[in-house]
PDB file of N, CA and C in Angstrom:
ATOM      1  N   MET A   1       0.832  -1.182   0.000  1.00  0.00           N
ATOM      2  CA  MET A   1       0.000   0.000   0.000  1.00  0.00           C
ATOM      3  C   MET A   1       0.875   1.243   0.000  1.00  0.00           C
ATOM      4  N   PRO A   2       0.617   2.137  -0.899  1.00  0.00           N
ATOM      5  CA  PRO A   2       1.414   3.366  -0.926  1.00  0.00           C
ATOM      6  C   PRO A   2       1.075   4.271   0.253  1.00  0.00           C
ATOM      7  N   LYS A   3       2.079   4.979   0.721  1.00  0.00           N
ATOM      8  CA  LYS A   3       1.900   5.941   1.801  1.00  0.00           C
ATOM      9  C   LYS A   3       2.287   7.318   1.296  1.00  0.00           C
ATOM     10  N   MET A   4       1.682   8.315   1.927  1.00  0.00           N
ATOM     11  CA  MET A   4       1.960   9.690   1.560  1.00  0.00           C
ATOM     12  C   MET A   4       1.899  10.512   2.842  1.00  0.00           C
ATOM     13  N   THR A   5       2.858  11.370   3.025  1.00  0.00           N
ATOM     14  CA  THR A   5       2.797  12.254   4.186  1.00  0.00           C
ATOM     15  C   THR A   5       1.708  13.297   3.962  1.00  0.00           C
ATOM     16  N   LEU A   6       1.255  13.880   5.041  1.00  0.00           N
ATOM     17  CA  LEU A   6       0.246  14.931   4.912  1.00  0.00           C
ATOM     18  C   LEU A   6       0.804  16.121   4.131  1.00  0.00           C
ATOM     19  N   THR A   7       2.071  16.407   4.332  1.00  0.00           N
ATOM     20  CA  THR A   7       2.703  17.508   3.587  1.00  0.00           C
ATOM     21  C   THR A   7       2.654  17.233   2.086  1.00  0.00           C
ATOM     22  N   ALA A   8       3.009  16.012   1.688  1.00  0.00           N
ATOM     23  CA  ALA A   8       2.974  15.657   0.268  1.00  0.00           C
ATOM     24  C   ALA A   8       1.541  15.658  -0.250  1.00  0.00           C
ATOM     25  N   ALA A   9       0.610  15.198   0.588  1.00  0.00           N
ATOM     26  CA  ALA A   9      -0.796  15.150   0.166  1.00  0.00           C
ATOM     27  C   ALA A   9      -1.322  16.542  -0.147  1.00  0.00           C
ATOM     28  N   ARG A  10      -0.916  17.516   0.638  1.00  0.00           N
ATOM     29  CA  ARG A  10      -1.347  18.898   0.375  1.00  0.00           C
ATOM     30  C   ARG A  10      -0.892  19.355  -1.006  1.00  0.00           C
ATOM     31  N   LYS A  11       0.300  18.952  -1.382  1.00  0.00           N
ATOM     32  CA  LYS A  11       0.865  19.385  -2.665  1.00  0.00           C
ATOM     33  C   LYS A  11       0.389  18.526  -3.830  1.00  0.00           C
ATOM     34  N   GLU A  12       0.111  17.252  -3.570  1.00  0.00           N
ATOM     35  CA  GLU A  12      -0.138  16.296  -4.651  1.00  0.00           C
ATOM     36  C   GLU A  12      -1.507  15.631  -4.579  1.00  0.00           C
ATOM     37  N   ILE A  13      -2.488  16.276  -3.968  1.00  0.00           N
ATOM     38  CA  ILE A  13      -3.799  15.646  -3.781  1.00  0.00           C
ATOM     39  C   ILE A  13      -4.446  15.292  -5.117  1.00  0.00           C
ATOM     40  N   GLY A  14      -4.290  16.149  -6.101  1.00  0.00           N
ATOM     41  CA  GLY A  14      -4.866  15.867  -7.422  1.00  0.00           C
ATOM     42  C   GLY A  14      -4.301  14.596  -8.025  1.00  0.00           C
ATOM     43  N   GLU A  15      -3.008  14.441  -7.945  1.00  0.00           N
ATOM     44  CA  GLU A  15      -2.360  13.242  -8.480  1.00  0.00           C
ATOM     45  C   GLU A  15      -2.787  12.000  -7.694  1.00  0.00           C
ATOM     46  N   ALA A  16      -2.894  12.128  -6.369  1.00  0.00           N
ATOM     47  CA  ALA A  16      -3.310  10.999  -5.543  1.00  0.00           C
ATOM     48  C   ALA A  16      -4.732  10.556  -5.901  1.00  0.00           C
ATOM     49  N   VAL A  17      -5.619  11.517  -6.058  1.00  0.00           N
ATOM     50  CA  VAL A  17      -7.009  11.193  -6.420  1.00  0.00           C
ATOM     51  C   VAL A  17      -7.057  10.534  -7.799  1.00  0.00           C
ATOM     52  N   ASN A  18      -6.287  11.030  -8.735  1.00  0.00           N
ATOM     53  CA  ASN A  18      -6.261  10.403 -10.064  1.00  0.00           C
ATOM     54  C   ASN A  18      -5.808   8.953  -9.992  1.00  0.00           C
ATOM     55  N   LYS A  19      -4.814   8.667  -9.162  1.00  0.00           N
ATOM     56  CA  LYS A  19      -4.360   7.284  -9.014  1.00  0.00           C
ATOM     57  C   LYS A  19      -5.479   6.382  -8.485  1.00  0.00           C
ATOM     58  N   LEU A  20      -6.281   6.918  -7.582  1.00  0.00           N
ATOM     59  CA  LEU A  20      -7.393   6.144  -7.035  1.00  0.00           C
ATOM     60  C   LEU A  20      -8.508   5.964  -8.066  1.00  0.00           C
ATOM     61  N   VAL A  21      -8.855   7.044  -8.727  1.00  0.00           N
ATOM     62  CA  VAL A  21      -9.962   7.017  -9.685  1.00  0.00           C
ATOM     63  C   VAL A  21      -9.658   6.128 -10.882  1.00  0.00           C
ATOM     64  N   TYR A  22      -8.431   6.183 -11.347  1.00  0.00           N
ATOM     65  CA  TYR A  22      -8.097   5.431 -12.556  1.00  0.00           C
ATOM     66  C   TYR A  22      -7.468   4.072 -12.268  1.00  0.00           C
ATOM     67  N   GLY A  23      -7.591   3.619 -11.026  1.00  0.00           N
ATOM     68  CA  GLY A  23      -7.238   2.249 -10.699  1.00  0.00           C
ATOM     69  C   GLY A  23      -5.777   1.925 -10.516  1.00  0.00           C
ATOM     70  N   LYS A  24      -4.921   2.923 -10.453  1.00  0.00           N
ATOM     71  CA  LYS A  24      -3.509   2.617 -10.237  1.00  0.00           C
ATOM     72  C   LYS A  24      -3.238   2.261  -8.775  1.00  0.00           C
ATOM     73  N   GLU A  25      -4.059   2.771  -7.880  1.00  0.00           N
ATOM     74  CA  GLU A  25      -3.962   2.460  -6.448  1.00  0.00           C
ATOM     75  C   GLU A  25      -5.364   2.175  -5.929  1.00  0.00           C
ATOM     76  N   ASP A  26      -5.447   1.330  -4.894  1.00  0.00           N
ATOM     77  CA  ASP A  26      -6.766   1.083  -4.320  1.00  0.00           C
ATOM     78  C   ASP A  26      -6.951   1.790  -2.983  1.00  0.00           C
ATOM     79  N   ARG A  27      -5.863   2.341  -2.440  1.00  0.00           N
ATOM     80  CA  ARG A  27      -5.932   3.167  -1.230  1.00  0.00           C
ATOM     81  C   ARG A  27      -4.578   3.822  -1.032  1.00  0.00           C
ATOM     82  N   ILE A  28      -4.602   4.943  -0.353  1.00  0.00           N
ATOM     83  CA  ILE A  28      -3.361   5.643  -0.030  1.00  0.00           C
ATOM     84  C   ILE A  28      -3.419   6.007   1.446  1.00  0.00           C
ATOM     85  N   ILE A  29      -2.408   5.574   2.173  1.00  0.00           N
ATOM     86  CA  ILE A  29      -2.342   5.854   3.601  1.00  0.00           C
ATOM     87  C   ILE A  29      -1.664   7.203   3.806  1.00  0.00           C
ATOM     88  N   LEU A  30      -2.273   8.037   4.640  1.00  0.00           N
ATOM     89  CA  LEU A  30      -1.702   9.336   4.980  1.00  0.00           C
ATOM     90  C   LEU A  30      -1.015   9.226   6.336  1.00  0.00           C
ATOM     91  N   SER A  31       0.185   9.774   6.406  1.00  0.00           N
ATOM     92  CA  SER A  31       0.944   9.669   7.659  1.00  0.00           C
ATOM     93  C   SER A  31       1.562  11.009   8.027  1.00  0.00           C
ATOM     94  N   ARG A  32       1.924  11.097   9.301  1.00  0.00           N
ATOM     95  CA  ARG A  32       2.631  12.268   9.805  1.00  0.00           C
ATOM     96  C   ARG A  32       3.684  11.773  10.785  1.00  0.00           C
ATOM     97  N   ARG A  33       4.900  12.180  10.572  1.00  0.00           N
ATOM     98  CA  ARG A  33       6.028  11.782  11.425  1.00  0.00           C
ATOM     99  C   ARG A  33       6.104  10.263  11.581  1.00  0.00           C
ATOM    100  N   GLY A  34       5.859   9.559  10.483  1.00  0.00           N
ATOM    101  CA  GLY A  34       5.967   8.104  10.474  1.00  0.00           C
ATOM    102  C   GLY A  34       4.784   7.355  11.050  1.00  0.00           C
ATOM    103  N   LYS A  35       3.760   8.064  11.500  1.00  0.00           N
ATOM    104  CA  LYS A  35       2.573   7.428  12.080  1.00  0.00           C
ATOM    105  C   LYS A  35       1.406   7.505  11.093  1.00  0.00           C
ATOM    106  N   ASP A  36       0.816   6.348  10.783  1.00  0.00           N
ATOM    107  CA  ASP A  36      -0.345   6.315   9.892  1.00  0.00           C
ATOM    108  C   ASP A  36      -1.542   6.950  10.587  1.00  0.00           C
ATOM    109  N   LEU A  37      -2.210   7.883   9.878  1.00  0.00           N
ATOM    110  CA  LEU A  37      -3.310   8.633  10.467  1.00  0.00           C
ATOM    111  C   LEU A  37      -4.654   8.395   9.802  1.00  0.00           C
ATOM    112  N   ALA A  38      -4.636   8.241   8.497  1.00  0.00           N
ATOM    113  CA  ALA A  38      -5.895   8.156   7.752  1.00  0.00           C
ATOM    114  C   ALA A  38      -5.631   7.452   6.431  1.00  0.00           C
ATOM    115  N   VAL A  39      -6.707   7.224   5.695  1.00  0.00           N
ATOM    116  CA  VAL A  39      -6.577   6.582   4.389  1.00  0.00           C
ATOM    117  C   VAL A  39      -7.510   7.273   3.400  1.00  0.00           C
ATOM    118  N   ILE A  40      -7.066   7.395   2.186  1.00  0.00           N
ATOM    119  CA  ILE A  40      -7.902   7.904   1.093  1.00  0.00           C
ATOM    120  C   ILE A  40      -8.326   6.682   0.283  1.00  0.00           C
ATOM    121  N   LEU A  41      -9.630   6.561   0.050  1.00  0.00           N
ATOM    122  CA  LEU A  41     -10.186   5.431  -0.693  1.00  0.00           C
ATOM    123  C   LEU A  41     -10.994   5.920  -1.882  1.00  0.00           C
ATOM    124  N   PRO A  42     -11.130   5.089  -2.909  1.00  0.00           N
ATOM    125  CA  PRO A  42     -12.059   5.434  -3.990  1.00  0.00           C
ATOM    126  C   PRO A  42     -13.494   5.425  -3.449  1.00  0.00           C
ATOM    127  N   ILE A  43     -14.347   6.198  -4.057  1.00  0.00           N
ATOM    128  CA  ILE A  43     -15.734   6.293  -3.606  1.00  0.00           C
ATOM    129  C   ILE A  43     -16.430   4.934  -3.643  1.00  0.00           C
ATOM    130  N   SER A  44     -16.033   4.068  -4.569  1.00  0.00           N
ATOM    131  CA  SER A  44     -16.656   2.740  -4.641  1.00  0.00           C
ATOM    132  C   SER A  44     -16.405   1.947  -3.358  1.00  0.00           C
ATOM    133  N   TYR A  45     -15.250   2.147  -2.722  1.00  0.00           N
ATOM    134  CA  TYR A  45     -14.965   1.479  -1.456  1.00  0.00           C
ATOM    135  C   TYR A  45     -15.878   2.013  -0.359  1.00  0.00           C
ATOM    136  N   LEU A  46     -16.098   3.322  -0.354  1.00  0.00           N
ATOM    137  CA  LEU A  46     -16.995   3.912   0.639  1.00  0.00           C
ATOM    138  C   LEU A  46     -18.406   3.360   0.476  1.00  0.00           C
ATOM    139  N   GLU A  47     -18.857   3.216  -0.751  1.00  0.00           N
ATOM    140  CA  GLU A  47     -20.188   2.666  -0.999  1.00  0.00           C
ATOM    141  C   GLU A  47     -20.299   1.238  -0.461  1.00  0.00           C
ATOM    142  N   ILE A  48     -19.249   0.444  -0.645  1.00  0.00           N
ATOM    143  CA  ILE A  48     -19.234  -0.920  -0.112  1.00  0.00           C
ATOM    144  C   ILE A  48     -19.259  -0.891   1.410  1.00  0.00           C
ATOM    145  N   LEU A  49     -18.439  -0.028   2.010  1.00  0.00           N
ATOM    146  CA  LEU A  49     -18.419   0.086   3.469  1.00  0.00           C
ATOM    147  C   LEU A  49     -19.784   0.507   4.012  1.00  0.00           C
ATOM    148  N   ASP A  50     -20.451   1.426   3.318  1.00  0.00           N
ATOM    149  CA  ASP A  50     -21.792   1.849   3.730  1.00  0.00           C
ATOM    150  C   ASP A  50     -22.775   0.684   3.705  1.00  0.00           C
ATOM    151  N   LYS A  51     -22.707  -0.152   2.670  1.00  0.00           N
ATOM    152  CA  LYS A  51     -23.595  -1.313   2.581  1.00  0.00           C
ATOM    153  C   LYS A  51     -23.318  -2.297   3.707  1.00  0.00           C
ATOM    154  N   ILE A  52     -22.050  -2.516   4.004  1.00  0.00           N
ATOM    155  CA  ILE A  52     -21.693  -3.412   5.100  1.00  0.00           C
ATOM    156  C   ILE A  52     -22.231  -2.866   6.424  1.00  0.00           C
ATOM    157  N   GLU A  53     -22.051  -1.568   6.638  1.00  0.00           N
ATOM    158  CA  GLU A  53     -22.541  -0.951   7.861  1.00  0.00           C
ATOM    159  C   GLU A  53     -24.059  -1.054   7.955  1.00  0.00           C
ATOM    160  N   ASP A  54     -24.768  -0.827   6.847  1.00  0.00           N
ATOM    161  CA  ASP A  54     -26.228  -0.944   6.837  1.00  0.00           C
ATOM    162  C   ASP A  54     -26.669  -2.352   7.222  1.00  0.00           C
ATOM    163  N   ARG A  55     -26.020  -3.360   6.657  1.00  0.00           N
ATOM    164  CA  ARG A  55     -26.375  -4.746   6.990  1.00  0.00           C
ATOM    165  C   ARG A  55     -26.103  -5.043   8.455  1.00  0.00           C
ATOM    166  N   TRP A  56     -24.991  -4.551   8.956  1.00  0.00           N
ATOM    167  CA  TRP A  56     -24.639  -4.771  10.351  1.00  0.00           C
ATOM    168  C   TRP A  56     -25.674  -4.120  11.273  1.00  0.00           C
ATOM    169  N   LEU A  57     -26.084  -2.893  10.959  1.00  0.00           N
ATOM    170  CA  LEU A  57     -27.088  -2.202  11.760  1.00  0.00           C
ATOM    171  C   LEU A  57     -28.448  -2.896  11.673  1.00  0.00           C
ATOM    172  N   GLN A  58     -28.794  -3.403  10.496  1.00  0.00           N
ATOM    173  CA  GLN A  58     -30.048  -4.136  10.352  1.00  0.00           C
ATOM    174  C   GLN A  58     -30.046  -5.389  11.214  1.00  0.00           C
ATOM    175  N   GLU A  59     -28.918  -6.083  11.241  1.00  0.00           N
ATOM    176  CA  GLU A  59     -28.812  -7.286  12.058  1.00  0.00           C
ATOM    177  C   GLU A  59     -28.920  -6.948  13.542  1.00  0.00           C
ATOM    178  N   LYS A  60     -28.279  -5.858  13.950  1.00  0.00           N
ATOM    179  CA  LYS A  60     -28.392  -5.426  15.346  1.00  0.00           C
ATOM    180  C   LYS A  60     -29.846  -5.094  15.690  1.00  0.00           C
ATOM    181  N   ALA A  61     -30.541  -4.432  14.776  1.00  0.00           N
ATOM    182  CA  ALA A  61     -31.941  -4.071  15.010  1.00  0.00           C
ATOM    183  C   ALA A  61     -32.807  -5.321  15.117  1.00  0.00           C
ATOM    184  N   ARG A  62     -32.566  -6.296  14.231  1.00  0.00           N
ATOM    185  CA  ARG A  62     -33.336  -7.544  14.301  1.00  0.00           C
ATOM    186  C   ARG A  62     -33.136  -8.238  15.643  1.00  0.00           C
ATOM    187  N   LYS A  63     -31.900  -8.299  16.096  1.00  0.00           N
ATOM    188  CA  LYS A  63     -31.612  -8.929  17.389  1.00  0.00           C
ATOM    189  C   LYS A  63     -32.288  -8.170  18.521  1.00  0.00           C
ATOM    190  N   ALA A  64     -32.238  -6.853  18.460  1.00  0.00           N
ATOM    191  CA  ALA A  64     -32.854  -6.040  19.504  1.00  0.00           C
ATOM    192  C   ALA A  64     -34.365  -6.251  19.544  1.00  0.00           C
ATOM    193  N   LEU A  65     -34.990  -6.394  18.372  1.00  0.00           N
ATOM    194  CA  LEU A  65     -36.439  -6.609  18.331  1.00  0.00           C
ATOM    195  C   LEU A  65     -36.836  -7.958  18.918  1.00  0.00           C
ATOM    196  N   LYS A  66     -35.931  -8.922  18.874  1.00  0.00           N
ATOM    197  CA  LYS A  66     -36.221 -10.249  19.420  1.00  0.00           C
ATOM    198  C   LYS A  66     -36.062 -10.313  20.935  1.00  0.00           C
ATOM    199  N   GLU A  67     -35.375  -9.328  21.504  1.00  0.00           N
ATOM    200  CA  GLU A  67     -35.160  -9.325  22.950  1.00  0.00           C
ATOM    201  C   GLU A  67     -36.478  -9.111  23.675  1.00  0.00           C
ATOM    202  N   LYS A  68     -36.587  -9.787  24.808  1.00  0.00           N
ATOM    203  CA  LYS A  68     -37.793  -9.643  25.621  1.00  0.00           C
ATOM    204  C   LYS A  68     -37.567  -8.549  26.650  1.00  0.00           C
ATOM    205  N   GLY A  69     -38.665  -7.993  27.115  1.00  0.00           N
ATOM    206  CA  GLY A  69     -38.585  -6.965  28.138  1.00  0.00           C
ATOM    207  C   GLY A  69     -38.788  -5.585  27.561  1.00  0.00           C
ATOM    208  N   GLU A  70     -39.002  -4.673  28.469  1.00  0.00           N
ATOM    209  CA  GLU A  70     -39.223  -3.295  28.077  1.00  0.00           C
ATOM    210  C   GLU A  70     -38.338  -2.384  28.910  1.00  0.00           C
ATOM    211  N   ILE A  71     -38.068  -1.228  28.376  1.00  0.00           N
ATOM    212  CA  ILE A  71     -37.331  -0.210  29.110  1.00  0.00           C
ATOM    213  C   ILE A  71     -38.298   0.941  29.358  1.00  0.00           C
ATOM    214  N   PRO A  72     -38.486   1.293  30.618  1.00  0.00           N
ATOM    215  CA  PRO A  72     -39.422   2.389  30.913  1.00  0.00           C
ATOM    216  C   PRO A  72     -38.985   3.688  30.234  1.00  0.00           C
ATOM    217  N   TRP A  73     -39.976   4.435  29.772  1.00  0.00           N
ATOM    218  CA  TRP A  73     -39.719   5.681  29.056  1.00  0.00           C
ATOM    219  C   TRP A  73     -38.903   6.654  29.911  1.00  0.00           C
ATOM    220  N   GLU A  74     -39.176   6.695  31.206  1.00  0.00           N
ATOM    221  CA  GLU A  74     -38.439   7.602  32.090  1.00  0.00           C
ATOM    222  C   GLU A  74     -36.956   7.253  32.114  1.00  0.00           C
ATOM    223  N   LYS A  75     -36.611   5.969  32.075  1.00  0.00           N
ATOM    224  CA  LYS A  75     -35.211   5.552  32.047  1.00  0.00           C
ATOM    225  C   LYS A  75     -34.560   5.958  30.725  1.00  0.00           C
ATOM    226  N   VAL A  76     -35.276   5.787  29.614  1.00  0.00           N
ATOM    227  CA  VAL A  76     -34.743   6.170  28.311  1.00  0.00           C
ATOM    228  C   VAL A  76     -34.424   7.668  28.299  1.00  0.00           C
ATOM    229  N   LYS A  77     -35.375   8.483  28.784  1.00  0.00           N
ATOM    230  CA  LYS A  77     -35.161   9.927  28.826  1.00  0.00           C
ATOM    231  C   LYS A  77     -33.966  10.278  29.705  1.00  0.00           C
ATOM    232  N   LYS A  78     -33.853   9.624  30.853  1.00  0.00           N
ATOM    233  CA  LYS A  78     -32.739   9.899  31.754  1.00  0.00           C
ATOM    234  C   LYS A  78     -31.412   9.516  31.108  1.00  0.00           C
ATOM    235  N   ASP A  79     -31.355   8.342  30.479  1.00  0.00           N
ATOM    236  CA  ASP A  79     -30.130   7.885  29.824  1.00  0.00           C
ATOM    237  C   ASP A  79     -29.704   8.823  28.704  1.00  0.00           C
ATOM    238  N   LEU A  80     -30.668   9.422  28.025  1.00  0.00           N
ATOM    239  CA  LEU A  80     -30.372  10.347  26.924  1.00  0.00           C
ATOM    240  C   LEU A  80     -30.194  11.789  27.381  1.00  0.00           C
ATOM    241  N   GLY A  81     -30.374  12.003  28.689  1.00  0.00           N
ATOM    242  CA  GLY A  81     -30.213  13.361  29.227  1.00  0.00           C
ATOM    243  C   GLY A  81     -31.328  14.289  28.838  1.00  0.00           C
ATOM    244  N   LEU A  82     -32.519  13.763  28.655  1.00  0.00           N
ATOM    245  CA  LEU A  82     -33.668  14.597  28.274  1.00  0.00           C
ATOM    246  C   LEU A  82     -34.489  15.021  29.479  1.00  0.00           C
TER     247      LEU A  82
END
């Protein structure tokens, strides 16, 4: 995986994005002082991640709906600071 410092990214962001868009790279790690901080991904990867997250949340919701018991409204309000 290619890495790019934040300083280089500021100067070369256009070139980095082109590499992602045109398939030369599938991700670029951004670092500062040798520490990896973030990653730049093609939008298609974000769309896949969003779908995975949606499925995960749907599964959590299904499990929650199967749970027995109720939570009193006053407790919900208190927990949310309302």
